[in-house]
mmCIF file of all heavy atoms, coordinates in Angstrom:
data_MODEL
# 
_entry.id   MODEL 
# 
loop_
_atom_site.group_PDB 
_atom_site.id 
_atom_site.type_symbol 
_atom_site.label_atom_id 
_atom_site.label_alt_id 
_atom_site.label_comp_id 
_atom_site.label_asym_id 
_atom_site.label_entity_id 
_atom_site.label_seq_id 
_atom_site.pdbx_PDB_ins_code 
_atom_site.Cartn_x 
_atom_site.Cartn_y 
_atom_site.Cartn_z 
_atom_site.occupancy 
_atom_site.B_iso_or_equiv 
_atom_site.pdbx_formal_charge 
_atom_site.auth_seq_id 
_atom_site.auth_comp_id 
_atom_site.auth_asym_id 
_atom_site.auth_atom_id 
_atom_site.pdbx_PDB_model_num 
ATOM 1   N N   . PHE A 1 1  ? -105.489 110.001 -68.766 1.00 0.00 ? 1  PHE A N   1 
ATOM 2   C CA  . PHE A 1 1  ? -104.146 110.363 -69.282 1.00 0.00 ? 1  PHE A CA  1 
ATOM 3   C C   . PHE A 1 1  ? -103.874 110.001 -70.691 1.00 0.00 ? 1  PHE A C   1 
ATOM 4   O O   . PHE A 1 1  ? -103.344 110.864 -71.449 1.00 0.00 ? 1  PHE A O   1 
ATOM 5   C CB  . PHE A 1 1  ? -103.123 109.707 -68.348 1.00 0.00 ? 1  PHE A CB  1 
ATOM 6   C CG  . PHE A 1 1  ? -101.657 110.055 -68.619 1.00 0.00 ? 1  PHE A CG  1 
ATOM 7   C CD1 . PHE A 1 1  ? -101.314 111.419 -68.783 1.00 0.00 ? 1  PHE A CD1 1 
ATOM 8   C CD2 . PHE A 1 1  ? -100.689 109.157 -68.654 1.00 0.00 ? 1  PHE A CD2 1 
ATOM 9   C CE1 . PHE A 1 1  ? -100.067 111.820 -69.005 1.00 0.00 ? 1  PHE A CE1 1 
ATOM 10  C CE2 . PHE A 1 1  ? -99.388  109.566 -68.825 1.00 0.00 ? 1  PHE A CE2 1 
ATOM 11  C CZ  . PHE A 1 1  ? -99.105  110.794 -69.045 1.00 0.00 ? 1  PHE A CZ  1 
ATOM 12  N N   . LEU A 1 2  ? -104.260 108.827 -71.133 1.00 0.00 ? 2  LEU A N   1 
ATOM 13  C CA  . LEU A 1 2  ? -104.043 108.406 -72.527 1.00 0.00 ? 2  LEU A CA  1 
ATOM 14  C C   . LEU A 1 2  ? -105.071 109.202 -73.417 1.00 0.00 ? 2  LEU A C   1 
ATOM 15  O O   . LEU A 1 2  ? -106.279 109.456 -72.954 1.00 0.00 ? 2  LEU A O   1 
ATOM 16  C CB  . LEU A 1 2  ? -104.332 106.962 -72.635 1.00 0.00 ? 2  LEU A CB  1 
ATOM 17  C CG  . LEU A 1 2  ? -103.476 106.009 -71.737 1.00 0.00 ? 2  LEU A CG  1 
ATOM 18  C CD1 . LEU A 1 2  ? -103.888 104.619 -71.941 1.00 0.00 ? 2  LEU A CD1 1 
ATOM 19  C CD2 . LEU A 1 2  ? -101.980 106.209 -72.088 1.00 0.00 ? 2  LEU A CD2 1 
ATOM 20  N N   . SER A 1 3  ? -104.641 109.618 -74.543 1.00 0.00 ? 3  SER A N   1 
ATOM 21  C CA  . SER A 1 3  ? -105.512 110.416 -75.478 1.00 0.00 ? 3  SER A CA  1 
ATOM 22  C C   . SER A 1 3  ? -106.672 109.522 -75.894 1.00 0.00 ? 3  SER A C   1 
ATOM 23  O O   . SER A 1 3  ? -106.570 108.294 -76.046 1.00 0.00 ? 3  SER A O   1 
ATOM 24  C CB  . SER A 1 3  ? -104.741 110.914 -76.619 1.00 0.00 ? 3  SER A CB  1 
ATOM 25  O OG  . SER A 1 3  ? -104.507 109.902 -77.596 1.00 0.00 ? 3  SER A OG  1 
ATOM 26  N N   . PRO A 1 4  ? -107.857 110.147 -76.161 1.00 0.00 ? 4  PRO A N   1 
ATOM 27  C CA  . PRO A 1 4  ? -108.991 109.414 -76.652 1.00 0.00 ? 4  PRO A CA  1 
ATOM 28  C C   . PRO A 1 4  ? -108.732 108.628 -77.940 1.00 0.00 ? 4  PRO A C   1 
ATOM 29  O O   . PRO A 1 4  ? -109.186 107.488 -78.090 1.00 0.00 ? 4  PRO A O   1 
ATOM 30  C CB  . PRO A 1 4  ? -110.042 110.485 -76.859 1.00 0.00 ? 4  PRO A CB  1 
ATOM 31  C CG  . PRO A 1 4  ? -109.656 111.561 -75.912 1.00 0.00 ? 4  PRO A CG  1 
ATOM 32  C CD  . PRO A 1 4  ? -108.115 111.553 -75.881 1.00 0.00 ? 4  PRO A CD  1 
ATOM 33  N N   . ASP A 1 5  ? -107.937 109.247 -78.861 1.00 0.00 ? 5  ASP A N   1 
ATOM 34  C CA  . ASP A 1 5  ? -107.599 108.586 -80.103 1.00 0.00 ? 5  ASP A CA  1 
ATOM 35  C C   . ASP A 1 5  ? -106.812 107.252 -79.816 1.00 0.00 ? 5  ASP A C   1 
ATOM 36  O O   . ASP A 1 5  ? -107.157 106.243 -80.387 1.00 0.00 ? 5  ASP A O   1 
ATOM 37  C CB  . ASP A 1 5  ? -106.745 109.454 -80.989 1.00 0.00 ? 5  ASP A CB  1 
ATOM 38  C CG  . ASP A 1 5  ? -107.538 110.178 -81.977 1.00 0.00 ? 5  ASP A CG  1 
ATOM 39  O OD1 . ASP A 1 5  ? -108.762 110.370 -81.771 1.00 0.00 ? 5  ASP A OD1 1 
ATOM 40  O OD2 . ASP A 1 5  ? -107.015 110.562 -83.057 1.00 0.00 ? 5  ASP A OD2 1 
ATOM 41  N N   . TYR A 1 6  ? -105.860 107.341 -78.881 1.00 0.00 ? 6  TYR A N   1 
ATOM 42  C CA  . TYR A 1 6  ? -105.072 106.147 -78.595 1.00 0.00 ? 6  TYR A CA  1 
ATOM 43  C C   . TYR A 1 6  ? -105.849 105.090 -77.890 1.00 0.00 ? 6  TYR A C   1 
ATOM 44  O O   . TYR A 1 6  ? -105.765 103.882 -78.196 1.00 0.00 ? 6  TYR A O   1 
ATOM 45  C CB  . TYR A 1 6  ? -103.905 106.538 -77.737 1.00 0.00 ? 6  TYR A CB  1 
ATOM 46  C CG  . TYR A 1 6  ? -103.015 105.374 -77.261 1.00 0.00 ? 6  TYR A CG  1 
ATOM 47  C CD1 . TYR A 1 6  ? -102.330 104.598 -78.194 1.00 0.00 ? 6  TYR A CD1 1 
ATOM 48  C CD2 . TYR A 1 6  ? -102.983 104.990 -75.934 1.00 0.00 ? 6  TYR A CD2 1 
ATOM 49  C CE1 . TYR A 1 6  ? -101.568 103.442 -77.768 1.00 0.00 ? 6  TYR A CE1 1 
ATOM 50  C CE2 . TYR A 1 6  ? -102.270 103.888 -75.523 1.00 0.00 ? 6  TYR A CE2 1 
ATOM 51  C CZ  . TYR A 1 6  ? -101.554 103.146 -76.435 1.00 0.00 ? 6  TYR A CZ  1 
ATOM 52  O OH  . TYR A 1 6  ? -100.883 102.022 -75.988 1.00 0.00 ? 6  TYR A OH  1 
ATOM 53  N N   . ARG A 1 7  ? -106.765 105.519 -76.965 1.00 0.00 ? 7  ARG A N   1 
ATOM 54  C CA  . ARG A 1 7  ? -107.617 104.542 -76.301 1.00 0.00 ? 7  ARG A CA  1 
ATOM 55  C C   . ARG A 1 7  ? -108.435 103.761 -77.269 1.00 0.00 ? 7  ARG A C   1 
ATOM 56  O O   . ARG A 1 7  ? -108.568 102.566 -77.214 1.00 0.00 ? 7  ARG A O   1 
ATOM 57  C CB  . ARG A 1 7  ? -108.495 105.218 -75.261 1.00 0.00 ? 7  ARG A CB  1 
ATOM 58  C CG  . ARG A 1 7  ? -107.737 105.856 -74.084 1.00 0.00 ? 7  ARG A CG  1 
ATOM 59  C CD  . ARG A 1 7  ? -108.636 106.109 -72.884 1.00 0.00 ? 7  ARG A CD  1 
ATOM 60  N NE  . ARG A 1 7  ? -109.756 107.061 -73.200 1.00 0.00 ? 7  ARG A NE  1 
ATOM 61  C CZ  . ARG A 1 7  ? -109.685 108.333 -72.992 1.00 0.00 ? 7  ARG A CZ  1 
ATOM 62  N NH1 . ARG A 1 7  ? -108.595 108.890 -72.516 1.00 0.00 ? 7  ARG A NH1 1 
ATOM 63  N NH2 . ARG A 1 7  ? -110.741 109.102 -73.245 1.00 0.00 ? 7  ARG A NH2 1 
ATOM 64  N N   . GLN A 1 8  ? -109.012 104.477 -78.260 1.00 0.00 ? 8  GLN A N   1 
ATOM 65  C CA  . GLN A 1 8  ? -109.850 103.846 -79.235 1.00 0.00 ? 8  GLN A CA  1 
ATOM 66  C C   . GLN A 1 8  ? -108.971 102.892 -80.168 1.00 0.00 ? 8  GLN A C   1 
ATOM 67  O O   . GLN A 1 8  ? -109.423 101.825 -80.542 1.00 0.00 ? 8  GLN A O   1 
ATOM 68  C CB  . GLN A 1 8  ? -110.582 104.868 -80.152 1.00 0.00 ? 8  GLN A CB  1 
ATOM 69  C CG  . GLN A 1 8  ? -111.562 104.285 -81.148 1.00 0.00 ? 8  GLN A CG  1 
ATOM 70  C CD  . GLN A 1 8  ? -112.631 103.443 -80.428 1.00 0.00 ? 8  GLN A CD  1 
ATOM 71  O OE1 . GLN A 1 8  ? -113.208 103.878 -79.428 1.00 0.00 ? 8  GLN A OE1 1 
ATOM 72  N NE2 . GLN A 1 8  ? -112.947 102.248 -80.882 1.00 0.00 ? 8  GLN A NE2 1 
ATOM 73  N N   . ALA A 1 9  ? -107.729 103.325 -80.434 1.00 0.00 ? 9  ALA A N   1 
ATOM 74  C CA  . ALA A 1 9  ? -106.871 102.534 -81.278 1.00 0.00 ? 9  ALA A CA  1 
ATOM 75  C C   . ALA A 1 9  ? -106.527 101.225 -80.584 1.00 0.00 ? 9  ALA A C   1 
ATOM 76  O O   . ALA A 1 9  ? -106.481 100.123 -81.218 1.00 0.00 ? 9  ALA A O   1 
ATOM 77  C CB  . ALA A 1 9  ? -105.613 103.308 -81.628 1.00 0.00 ? 9  ALA A CB  1 
ATOM 78  N N   . VAL A 1 10 ? -106.229 101.285 -79.282 1.00 0.00 ? 10 VAL A N   1 
ATOM 79  C CA  . VAL A 1 10 ? -105.907 100.074 -78.556 1.00 0.00 ? 10 VAL A CA  1 
ATOM 80  C C   . VAL A 1 10 ? -107.089 99.126  -78.607 1.00 0.00 ? 10 VAL A C   1 
ATOM 81  O O   . VAL A 1 10 ? -106.887 97.960  -78.739 1.00 0.00 ? 10 VAL A O   1 
ATOM 82  C CB  . VAL A 1 10 ? -105.463 100.420 -77.097 1.00 0.00 ? 10 VAL A CB  1 
ATOM 83  C CG1 . VAL A 1 10 ? -105.194 99.160  -76.294 1.00 0.00 ? 10 VAL A CG1 1 
ATOM 84  C CG2 . VAL A 1 10 ? -104.268 101.282 -77.048 1.00 0.00 ? 10 VAL A CG2 1 
ATOM 85  N N   . LEU A 1 11 ? -108.266 99.640  -78.395 1.00 0.00 ? 11 LEU A N   1 
ATOM 86  C CA  . LEU A 1 11 ? -109.456 98.761  -78.371 1.00 0.00 ? 11 LEU A CA  1 
ATOM 87  C C   . LEU A 1 11 ? -109.596 98.060  -79.683 1.00 0.00 ? 11 LEU A C   1 
ATOM 88  O O   . LEU A 1 11 ? -110.131 96.940  -79.828 1.00 0.00 ? 11 LEU A O   1 
ATOM 89  C CB  . LEU A 1 11 ? -110.726 99.570  -78.024 1.00 0.00 ? 11 LEU A CB  1 
ATOM 90  C CG  . LEU A 1 11 ? -110.801 100.088 -76.606 1.00 0.00 ? 11 LEU A CG  1 
ATOM 91  C CD1 . LEU A 1 11 ? -111.990 101.054 -76.453 1.00 0.00 ? 11 LEU A CD1 1 
ATOM 92  C CD2 . LEU A 1 11 ? -110.991 98.860  -75.581 1.00 0.00 ? 11 LEU A CD2 1 
ATOM 93  N N   . SER A 1 12 ? -109.232 98.709  -80.786 1.00 0.00 ? 12 SER A N   1 
ATOM 94  C CA  . SER A 1 12 ? -109.440 98.218  -82.159 1.00 0.00 ? 12 SER A CA  1 
ATOM 95  C C   . SER A 1 12 ? -108.225 97.369  -82.698 1.00 0.00 ? 12 SER A C   1 
ATOM 96  O O   . SER A 1 12 ? -108.322 96.770  -83.729 1.00 0.00 ? 12 SER A O   1 
ATOM 97  C CB  . SER A 1 12 ? -109.685 99.314  -83.128 1.00 0.00 ? 12 SER A CB  1 
ATOM 98  O OG  . SER A 1 12 ? -108.499 100.078 -83.397 1.00 0.00 ? 12 SER A OG  1 
ATOM 99  N N   . PHE A 1 13 ? -107.197 97.351  -81.888 1.00 0.00 ? 13 PHE A N   1 
ATOM 100 C CA  . PHE A 1 13 ? -105.966 96.701  -82.244 1.00 0.00 ? 13 PHE A CA  1 
ATOM 101 C C   . PHE A 1 13 ? -106.133 95.184  -82.188 1.00 0.00 ? 13 PHE A C   1 
ATOM 102 O O   . PHE A 1 13 ? -106.606 94.636  -81.220 1.00 0.00 ? 13 PHE A O   1 
ATOM 103 C CB  . PHE A 1 13 ? -104.766 97.093  -81.405 1.00 0.00 ? 13 PHE A CB  1 
ATOM 104 C CG  . PHE A 1 13 ? -103.404 96.510  -81.805 1.00 0.00 ? 13 PHE A CG  1 
ATOM 105 C CD1 . PHE A 1 13 ? -102.955 96.748  -83.087 1.00 0.00 ? 13 PHE A CD1 1 
ATOM 106 C CD2 . PHE A 1 13 ? -102.750 95.676  -80.939 1.00 0.00 ? 13 PHE A CD2 1 
ATOM 107 C CE1 . PHE A 1 13 ? -101.752 96.218  -83.449 1.00 0.00 ? 13 PHE A CE1 1 
ATOM 108 C CE2 . PHE A 1 13 ? -101.533 95.156  -81.321 1.00 0.00 ? 13 PHE A CE2 1 
ATOM 109 C CZ  . PHE A 1 13 ? -101.034 95.356  -82.558 1.00 0.00 ? 13 PHE A CZ  1 
ATOM 110 N N   . ARG A 1 14 ? -105.731 94.452  -83.244 1.00 0.00 ? 14 ARG A N   1 
ATOM 111 C CA  . ARG A 1 14 ? -105.931 92.993  -83.381 1.00 0.00 ? 14 ARG A CA  1 
ATOM 112 C C   . ARG A 1 14 ? -104.677 92.188  -83.208 1.00 0.00 ? 14 ARG A C   1 
ATOM 113 O O   . ARG A 1 14 ? -104.639 91.019  -83.461 1.00 0.00 ? 14 ARG A O   1 
ATOM 114 C CB  . ARG A 1 14 ? -106.594 92.717  -84.754 1.00 0.00 ? 14 ARG A CB  1 
ATOM 115 C CG  . ARG A 1 14 ? -107.883 93.398  -84.991 1.00 0.00 ? 14 ARG A CG  1 
ATOM 116 C CD  . ARG A 1 14 ? -108.889 93.183  -83.910 1.00 0.00 ? 14 ARG A CD  1 
ATOM 117 N NE  . ARG A 1 14 ? -110.192 93.845  -84.141 1.00 0.00 ? 14 ARG A NE  1 
ATOM 118 C CZ  . ARG A 1 14 ? -111.038 94.212  -83.185 1.00 0.00 ? 14 ARG A CZ  1 
ATOM 119 N NH1 . ARG A 1 14 ? -110.762 93.995  -81.964 1.00 0.00 ? 14 ARG A NH1 1 
ATOM 120 N NH2 . ARG A 1 14 ? -112.120 94.802  -83.547 1.00 0.00 ? 14 ARG A NH2 1 
ATOM 121 N N   . GLY A 1 15 ? -103.568 92.821  -82.794 1.00 0.00 ? 15 GLY A N   1 
ATOM 122 C CA  . GLY A 1 15 ? -102.363 92.088  -82.604 1.00 0.00 ? 15 GLY A CA  1 
ATOM 123 C C   . GLY A 1 15 ? -102.078 91.793  -81.162 1.00 0.00 ? 15 GLY A C   1 
ATOM 124 O O   . GLY A 1 15 ? -102.939 91.811  -80.263 1.00 0.00 ? 15 GLY A O   1 
ATOM 125 N N   . LEU A 1 16 ? -100.863 91.484  -80.763 1.00 0.00 ? 16 LEU A N   1 
ATOM 126 C CA  . LEU A 1 16 ? -100.408 91.098  -79.404 1.00 0.00 ? 16 LEU A CA  1 
ATOM 127 C C   . LEU A 1 16 ? -100.211 92.447  -78.664 1.00 0.00 ? 16 LEU A C   1 
ATOM 128 O O   . LEU A 1 16 ? -99.566  93.359  -79.069 1.00 0.00 ? 16 LEU A O   1 
ATOM 129 C CB  . LEU A 1 16 ? -99.132  90.373  -79.463 1.00 0.00 ? 16 LEU A CB  1 
ATOM 130 C CG  . LEU A 1 16 ? -98.517  90.028  -78.130 1.00 0.00 ? 16 LEU A CG  1 
ATOM 131 C CD1 . LEU A 1 16 ? -99.417  89.109  -77.310 1.00 0.00 ? 16 LEU A CD1 1 
ATOM 132 C CD2 . LEU A 1 16 ? -97.109  89.388  -78.232 1.00 0.00 ? 16 LEU A CD2 1 
ATOM 133 N N   . LYS A 1 17 ? -100.904 92.583  -77.487 1.00 0.00 ? 17 LYS A N   1 
ATOM 134 C CA  . LYS A 1 17 ? -100.877 93.726  -76.696 1.00 0.00 ? 17 LYS A CA  1 
ATOM 135 C C   . LYS A 1 17 ? -100.089 93.424  -75.450 1.00 0.00 ? 17 LYS A C   1 
ATOM 136 O O   . LYS A 1 17 ? -100.371 92.530  -74.656 1.00 0.00 ? 17 LYS A O   1 
ATOM 137 C CB  . LYS A 1 17 ? -102.254 94.168  -76.325 1.00 0.00 ? 17 LYS A CB  1 
ATOM 138 C CG  . LYS A 1 17 ? -103.222 94.469  -77.455 1.00 0.00 ? 17 LYS A CG  1 
ATOM 139 C CD  . LYS A 1 17 ? -104.558 94.899  -76.991 1.00 0.00 ? 17 LYS A CD  1 
ATOM 140 C CE  . LYS A 1 17 ? -105.608 94.995  -78.092 1.00 0.00 ? 17 LYS A CE  1 
ATOM 141 N NZ  . LYS A 1 17 ? -106.953 95.446  -77.606 1.00 0.00 ? 17 LYS A NZ  1 
ATOM 142 N N   . ILE A 1 18 ? -99.011  94.228  -75.242 1.00 0.00 ? 18 ILE A N   1 
ATOM 143 C CA  . ILE A 1 18 ? -98.100  94.086  -74.118 1.00 0.00 ? 18 ILE A CA  1 
ATOM 144 C C   . ILE A 1 18 ? -98.066  95.427  -73.328 1.00 0.00 ? 18 ILE A C   1 
ATOM 145 O O   . ILE A 1 18 ? -97.978  96.485  -73.918 1.00 0.00 ? 18 ILE A O   1 
ATOM 146 C CB  . ILE A 1 18 ? -96.687  93.771  -74.595 1.00 0.00 ? 18 ILE A CB  1 
ATOM 147 C CG1 . ILE A 1 18 ? -96.625  92.432  -75.238 1.00 0.00 ? 18 ILE A CG1 1 
ATOM 148 C CG2 . ILE A 1 18 ? -95.697  93.828  -73.369 1.00 0.00 ? 18 ILE A CG2 1 
ATOM 149 C CD1 . ILE A 1 18 ? -95.217  92.082  -75.851 1.00 0.00 ? 18 ILE A CD1 1 
ATOM 150 N N   . ALA A 1 19 ? -98.207  95.303  -72.046 1.00 0.00 ? 19 ALA A N   1 
ATOM 151 C CA  . ALA A 1 19 ? -98.161  96.527  -71.164 1.00 0.00 ? 19 ALA A CA  1 
ATOM 152 C C   . ALA A 1 19 ? -96.984  96.382  -70.230 1.00 0.00 ? 19 ALA A C   1 
ATOM 153 O O   . ALA A 1 19 ? -96.759  95.334  -69.577 1.00 0.00 ? 19 ALA A O   1 
ATOM 154 C CB  . ALA A 1 19 ? -99.399  96.695  -70.357 1.00 0.00 ? 19 ALA A CB  1 
ATOM 155 N N   . ILE A 1 20 ? -96.121  97.389  -70.181 1.00 0.00 ? 20 ILE A N   1 
ATOM 156 C CA  . ILE A 1 20 ? -95.074  97.452  -69.187 1.00 0.00 ? 20 ILE A CA  1 
ATOM 157 C C   . ILE A 1 20 ? -95.500  98.414  -68.082 1.00 0.00 ? 20 ILE A C   1 
ATOM 158 O O   . ILE A 1 20 ? -95.857  99.561  -68.411 1.00 0.00 ? 20 ILE A O   1 
ATOM 159 C CB  . ILE A 1 20 ? -93.766  97.947  -69.766 1.00 0.00 ? 20 ILE A CB  1 
ATOM 160 C CG1 . ILE A 1 20 ? -93.298  97.018  -70.910 1.00 0.00 ? 20 ILE A CG1 1 
ATOM 161 C CG2 . ILE A 1 20 ? -92.644  98.036  -68.733 1.00 0.00 ? 20 ILE A CG2 1 
ATOM 162 C CD1 . ILE A 1 20 ? -92.090  97.512  -71.689 1.00 0.00 ? 20 ILE A CD1 1 
ATOM 163 N N   . VAL A 1 21 ? -95.579  97.945  -66.844 1.00 0.00 ? 21 VAL A N   1 
ATOM 164 C CA  . VAL A 1 21 ? -96.080  98.724  -65.755 1.00 0.00 ? 21 VAL A CA  1 
ATOM 165 C C   . VAL A 1 21 ? -95.103  98.961  -64.653 1.00 0.00 ? 21 VAL A C   1 
ATOM 166 O O   . VAL A 1 21 ? -94.279  98.068  -64.278 1.00 0.00 ? 21 VAL A O   1 
ATOM 167 C CB  . VAL A 1 21 ? -97.321  97.978  -65.104 1.00 0.00 ? 21 VAL A CB  1 
ATOM 168 C CG1 . VAL A 1 21 ? -97.894  98.764  -63.972 1.00 0.00 ? 21 VAL A CG1 1 
ATOM 169 C CG2 . VAL A 1 21 ? -98.453  97.807  -66.169 1.00 0.00 ? 21 VAL A CG2 1 
ATOM 170 N N   . GLN A 1 22 ? -94.961  100.170 -64.156 1.00 0.00 ? 22 GLN A N   1 
ATOM 171 C CA  . GLN A 1 22 ? -94.252  100.471 -62.952 1.00 0.00 ? 22 GLN A CA  1 
ATOM 172 C C   . GLN A 1 22 ? -95.200  101.255 -62.035 1.00 0.00 ? 22 GLN A C   1 
ATOM 173 O O   . GLN A 1 22 ? -96.334  101.678 -62.426 1.00 0.00 ? 22 GLN A O   1 
ATOM 174 C CB  . GLN A 1 22 ? -93.017  101.365 -63.218 1.00 0.00 ? 22 GLN A CB  1 
ATOM 175 C CG  . GLN A 1 22 ? -91.952  100.515 -64.015 1.00 0.00 ? 22 GLN A CG  1 
ATOM 176 C CD  . GLN A 1 22 ? -90.679  101.344 -64.182 1.00 0.00 ? 22 GLN A CD  1 
ATOM 177 O OE1 . GLN A 1 22 ? -90.430  102.430 -63.583 1.00 0.00 ? 22 GLN A OE1 1 
ATOM 178 N NE2 . GLN A 1 22 ? -89.772  100.786 -65.019 1.00 0.00 ? 22 GLN A NE2 1 
ATOM 179 N N   . ASP A 1 23 ? -94.844  101.422 -60.815 1.00 0.00 ? 23 ASP A N   1 
ATOM 180 C CA  . ASP A 1 23 ? -95.734  102.100 -59.814 1.00 0.00 ? 23 ASP A CA  1 
ATOM 181 C C   . ASP A 1 23 ? -97.050  101.416 -59.724 1.00 0.00 ? 23 ASP A C   1 
ATOM 182 O O   . ASP A 1 23 ? -98.154  101.968 -59.692 1.00 0.00 ? 23 ASP A O   1 
ATOM 183 C CB  . ASP A 1 23 ? -95.931  103.586 -60.196 1.00 0.00 ? 23 ASP A CB  1 
ATOM 184 C CG  . ASP A 1 23 ? -94.648  104.412 -60.276 1.00 0.00 ? 23 ASP A CG  1 
ATOM 185 O OD1 . ASP A 1 23 ? -93.681  103.883 -59.693 1.00 0.00 ? 23 ASP A OD1 1 
ATOM 186 O OD2 . ASP A 1 23 ? -94.633  105.463 -60.854 1.00 0.00 ? 23 ASP A OD2 1 
ATOM 187 N N   . ASP A 1 24 ? -97.016  100.102 -59.681 1.00 0.00 ? 24 ASP A N   1 
ATOM 188 C CA  . ASP A 1 24 ? -98.219  99.280  -59.633 1.00 0.00 ? 24 ASP A CA  1 
ATOM 189 C C   . ASP A 1 24 ? -99.104  99.541  -58.388 1.00 0.00 ? 24 ASP A C   1 
ATOM 190 O O   . ASP A 1 24 ? -100.268 99.217  -58.410 1.00 0.00 ? 24 ASP A O   1 
ATOM 191 C CB  . ASP A 1 24 ? -97.846  97.699  -59.656 1.00 0.00 ? 24 ASP A CB  1 
ATOM 192 C CG  . ASP A 1 24 ? -96.834  97.349  -60.617 1.00 0.00 ? 24 ASP A CG  1 
ATOM 193 O OD1 . ASP A 1 24 ? -95.659  97.963  -60.444 1.00 0.00 ? 24 ASP A OD1 1 
ATOM 194 O OD2 . ASP A 1 24 ? -97.020  96.458  -61.419 1.00 0.00 ? 24 ASP A OD2 1 
ATOM 195 N N   . TYR A 1 25 ? -98.508  100.174 -57.425 1.00 0.00 ? 25 TYR A N   1 
ATOM 196 C CA  . TYR A 1 25 ? -99.137  100.410 -56.183 1.00 0.00 ? 25 TYR A CA  1 
ATOM 197 C C   . TYR A 1 25 ? -100.115 101.629 -56.221 1.00 0.00 ? 25 TYR A C   1 
ATOM 198 O O   . TYR A 1 25 ? -100.913 101.925 -55.396 1.00 0.00 ? 25 TYR A O   1 
ATOM 199 C CB  . TYR A 1 25 ? -98.128  100.720 -55.093 1.00 0.00 ? 25 TYR A CB  1 
ATOM 200 C CG  . TYR A 1 25 ? -97.052  101.747 -55.526 1.00 0.00 ? 25 TYR A CG  1 
ATOM 201 C CD1 . TYR A 1 25 ? -97.290  103.092 -55.545 1.00 0.00 ? 25 TYR A CD1 1 
ATOM 202 C CD2 . TYR A 1 25 ? -95.859  101.255 -55.976 1.00 0.00 ? 25 TYR A CD2 1 
ATOM 203 C CE1 . TYR A 1 25 ? -96.305  103.968 -55.934 1.00 0.00 ? 25 TYR A CE1 1 
ATOM 204 C CE2 . TYR A 1 25 ? -94.831  102.122 -56.449 1.00 0.00 ? 25 TYR A CE2 1 
ATOM 205 C CZ  . TYR A 1 25 ? -95.094  103.471 -56.394 1.00 0.00 ? 25 TYR A CZ  1 
ATOM 206 O OH  . TYR A 1 25 ? -94.143  104.373 -56.931 1.00 0.00 ? 25 TYR A OH  1 
ATOM 207 N N   . ASP A 1 26 ? -100.028 102.379 -57.351 1.00 0.00 ? 26 ASP A N   1 
ATOM 208 C CA  . ASP A 1 26 ? -100.768 103.609 -57.521 1.00 0.00 ? 26 ASP A CA  1 
ATOM 209 C C   . ASP A 1 26 ? -102.120 103.305 -58.237 1.00 0.00 ? 26 ASP A C   1 
ATOM 210 O O   . ASP A 1 26 ? -102.096 102.845 -59.343 1.00 0.00 ? 26 ASP A O   1 
ATOM 211 C CB  . ASP A 1 26 ? -99.951  104.614 -58.289 1.00 0.00 ? 26 ASP A CB  1 
ATOM 212 C CG  . ASP A 1 26 ? -100.401 106.034 -58.008 1.00 0.00 ? 26 ASP A CG  1 
ATOM 213 O OD1 . ASP A 1 26 ? -101.333 106.252 -57.284 1.00 0.00 ? 26 ASP A OD1 1 
ATOM 214 O OD2 . ASP A 1 26 ? -99.731  106.906 -58.615 1.00 0.00 ? 26 ASP A OD2 1 
ATOM 215 N N   . ARG A 1 27 ? -103.267 103.555 -57.528 1.00 0.00 ? 27 ARG A N   1 
ATOM 216 C CA  . ARG A 1 27 ? -104.617 103.289 -58.168 1.00 0.00 ? 27 ARG A CA  1 
ATOM 217 C C   . ARG A 1 27 ? -104.676 101.946 -58.774 1.00 0.00 ? 27 ARG A C   1 
ATOM 218 O O   . ARG A 1 27 ? -104.979 101.811 -59.959 1.00 0.00 ? 27 ARG A O   1 
ATOM 219 C CB  . ARG A 1 27 ? -104.878 104.441 -59.226 1.00 0.00 ? 27 ARG A CB  1 
ATOM 220 C CG  . ARG A 1 27 ? -104.882 105.772 -58.692 1.00 0.00 ? 27 ARG A CG  1 
ATOM 221 C CD  . ARG A 1 27 ? -105.417 106.770 -59.611 1.00 0.00 ? 27 ARG A CD  1 
ATOM 222 N NE  . ARG A 1 27 ? -105.490 108.150 -59.035 1.00 0.00 ? 27 ARG A NE  1 
ATOM 223 C CZ  . ARG A 1 27 ? -106.239 109.153 -59.468 1.00 0.00 ? 27 ARG A CZ  1 
ATOM 224 N NH1 . ARG A 1 27 ? -107.011 108.920 -60.606 1.00 0.00 ? 27 ARG A NH1 1 
ATOM 225 N NH2 . ARG A 1 27 ? -106.291 110.275 -58.960 1.00 0.00 ? 27 ARG A NH2 1 
ATOM 226 N N   . THR A 1 28 ? -104.318 100.926 -57.991 1.00 0.00 ? 28 THR A N   1 
ATOM 227 C CA  . THR A 1 28 ? -104.145 99.559  -58.534 1.00 0.00 ? 28 THR A CA  1 
ATOM 228 C C   . THR A 1 28 ? -105.502 99.006  -59.097 1.00 0.00 ? 28 THR A C   1 
ATOM 229 O O   . THR A 1 28 ? -105.419 98.356  -60.154 1.00 0.00 ? 28 THR A O   1 
ATOM 230 C CB  . THR A 1 28 ? -103.668 98.672  -57.421 1.00 0.00 ? 28 THR A CB  1 
ATOM 231 O OG1 . THR A 1 28 ? -102.524 99.198  -56.792 1.00 0.00 ? 28 THR A OG1 1 
ATOM 232 C CG2 . THR A 1 28 ? -103.237 97.283  -57.963 1.00 0.00 ? 28 THR A CG2 1 
ATOM 233 N N   . ALA A 1 29 ? -106.646 99.310  -58.562 1.00 0.00 ? 29 ALA A N   1 
ATOM 234 C CA  . ALA A 1 29 ? -107.890 98.828  -59.105 1.00 0.00 ? 29 ALA A CA  1 
ATOM 235 C C   . ALA A 1 29 ? -108.179 99.433  -60.476 1.00 0.00 ? 29 ALA A C   1 
ATOM 236 O O   . ALA A 1 29 ? -108.665 98.730  -61.383 1.00 0.00 ? 29 ALA A O   1 
ATOM 237 C CB  . ALA A 1 29 ? -109.039 99.097  -58.121 1.00 0.00 ? 29 ALA A CB  1 
# 
C-alpha cells in the first residue's frame, strides 16, 4: 500500500518514528 519511495524514505529517516494504528486486528502479523 505504501509507495516504494515512502518506504525507502522511512528506512532512511533518522528522527523519531511514530505510528498511529487502527484496525489492529487486520493482518496483525
